[in-house]
Amino acid sequence: MDADEREIVDYLSTFGEQWVTGKEVCRRAGGKRRFSEDNHWAIPVLQRLKDQQIVEADMRARYRLKPSTKEGHDHSISPETEAILKEGGATAELEDTGAAED
């Protein structure tokens, strides 16, 4: 990843899953000087990032980082806690106990 790509990825990471227009990326990611020299400098870089499947685009030419494909959080436990549970006869499996709806 080159410096321009890293700069755009860092900028988009501040928005999470929110969409940002290509024009806004050009204006804000590189600073005023970069934008005044070439106000479309980020468009080819965004296209490269899209081809590399780092960012995604919608039909309105808005971009965002691809959401993580990881489902849920890592609910692992420490080896010490697992040993304590095994000594007590409990299992170390974690279950998803969704909240009951009233």
Protein backbone atom coordinates (compact mmCIF):
# COMPACT_ATOMS: atom_id res chain seq x y z
CA MET A 1 0.00 0.00 0.00
CA ASP A 2 1.54 3.31 -1.04
CA ALA A 3 1.39 6.61 0.85
CA ASP A 4 -1.72 7.92 -0.99
CA GLU A 5 -3.61 4.70 -0.34
CA ARG A 6 -2.64 4.72 3.34
CA GLU A 7 -3.69 8.37 3.68
CA ILE A 8 -7.13 7.63 2.20
CA VAL A 9 -7.60 4.47 4.29
CA ASP A 10 -6.68 6.40 7.45
CA TYR A 11 -9.15 9.14 6.52
CA LEU A 12 -11.98 6.70 5.76
CA SER A 13 -11.33 4.76 8.96
CA THR A 14 -12.44 7.79 10.98
CA PHE A 15 -15.94 7.43 9.49
CA GLY A 16 -16.55 3.75 10.30
CA GLU A 17 -19.35 2.43 8.10
CA GLN A 18 -20.52 5.89 7.04
CA TRP A 19 -20.34 6.72 3.31
CA VAL A 20 -18.08 9.58 2.16
CA THR A 21 -18.18 11.20 -1.29
CA GLY A 22 -15.15 10.97 -3.53
CA LYS A 23 -15.02 14.75 -3.71
CA GLU A 24 -14.88 14.96 0.08
CA VAL A 25 -12.03 12.44 0.16
CA CYS A 26 -10.15 14.52 -2.42
CA ARG A 27 -10.72 17.66 -0.40
CA ARG A 28 -9.96 16.38 3.10
CA ALA A 29 -7.60 13.40 2.92
CA GLY A 30 -4.65 15.13 1.29
CA GLY A 31 -4.96 18.59 2.73
CA LYS A 32 -5.52 21.99 1.12
CA ARG A 33 -2.32 22.05 -0.92
CA ARG A 34 -2.92 18.63 -2.46
CA PHE A 35 -6.51 19.56 -3.33
CA SER A 36 -5.48 22.90 -4.87
CA GLU A 37 -2.87 21.19 -7.07
CA ASP A 38 -5.27 18.50 -8.35
CA ASN A 39 -8.83 18.44 -7.06
CA HIS A 40 -9.44 14.89 -8.35
CA TRP A 41 -6.23 13.29 -7.08
CA ALA A 42 -7.93 10.65 -4.93
CA ILE A 43 -10.30 9.21 -7.57
CA PRO A 44 -7.72 6.86 -9.19
CA VAL A 45 -6.44 5.87 -5.76
CA LEU A 46 -9.99 5.10 -4.58
CA GLN A 47 -10.49 2.98 -7.70
CA ARG A 48 -7.31 1.02 -6.91
CA LEU A 49 -8.49 0.48 -3.35
CA LYS A 50 -11.84 -0.66 -4.68
CA ASP A 51 -10.12 -3.13 -7.03
CA GLN A 52 -8.11 -4.44 -4.08
CA GLN A 53 -11.41 -4.80 -2.17
CA ILE A 54 -10.26 -2.53 0.65
CA VAL A 55 -13.02 0.02 0.07
CA GLU A 56 -16.46 -0.29 -1.45
CA ALA A 57 -18.45 2.21 -3.49
CA ASP A 58 -22.13 2.82 -4.04
CA MET A 59 -24.00 4.16 -7.07
CA ARG A 60 -23.60 7.77 -5.84
CA ALA A 61 -19.78 7.62 -5.97
CA ARG A 62 -19.54 7.44 -2.20
CA TYR A 63 -16.88 5.32 -0.56
CA ARG A 64 -16.24 3.58 2.74
CA LEU A 65 -13.94 0.94 4.11
CA LYS A 66 -15.32 -2.53 3.66
CA PRO A 67 -17.02 -3.65 6.87
CA SER A 68 -15.23 -6.39 8.69
CA THR A 69 -16.39 -9.88 7.77
CA LYS A 70 -15.84 -11.04 11.31
CA GLU A 71 -19.16 -11.97 12.90
CA GLY A 72 -19.46 -11.03 16.54
CA HIS A 73 -16.60 -10.55 18.93
CA ASP A 74 -13.92 -12.93 20.02
CA HIS A 75 -15.20 -14.40 23.27
CA SER A 76 -12.18 -16.48 24.13
CA ILE A 77 -11.17 -17.04 27.72
CA SER A 78 -7.73 -17.20 29.25
CA PRO A 79 -6.07 -20.59 29.79
CA GLU A 80 -6.10 -19.98 33.55
CA THR A 81 -9.87 -19.40 33.57
CA GLU A 82 -10.38 -22.49 31.42
CA ALA A 83 -8.32 -24.58 33.87
CA ILE A 84 -10.37 -23.31 36.82
CA LEU A 85 -13.60 -24.17 35.03
CA LYS A 86 -12.36 -27.66 34.20
CA GLU A 87 -11.38 -28.26 37.83
CA GLY A 88 -14.89 -27.32 38.91
CA GLY A 89 -16.44 -29.63 36.30
CA ALA A 90 -17.84 -26.84 34.13
CA THR A 91 -17.26 -26.57 30.41
CA ALA A 92 -15.46 -23.66 28.81
CA GLU A 93 -17.91 -23.32 25.92
CA LEU A 94 -19.54 -19.96 25.54
CA GLU A 95 -23.12 -19.82 24.42
CA ASP A 96 -25.09 -16.96 22.88
CA THR A 97 -28.01 -16.44 25.23
CA GLY A 98 -30.07 -13.86 23.39
CA ALA A 99 -32.31 -11.63 25.49
CA ALA A 100 -35.90 -12.80 25.80
CA GLU A 101 -38.49 -10.48 24.29
CA ASP A 102 -41.41 -9.49 26.50
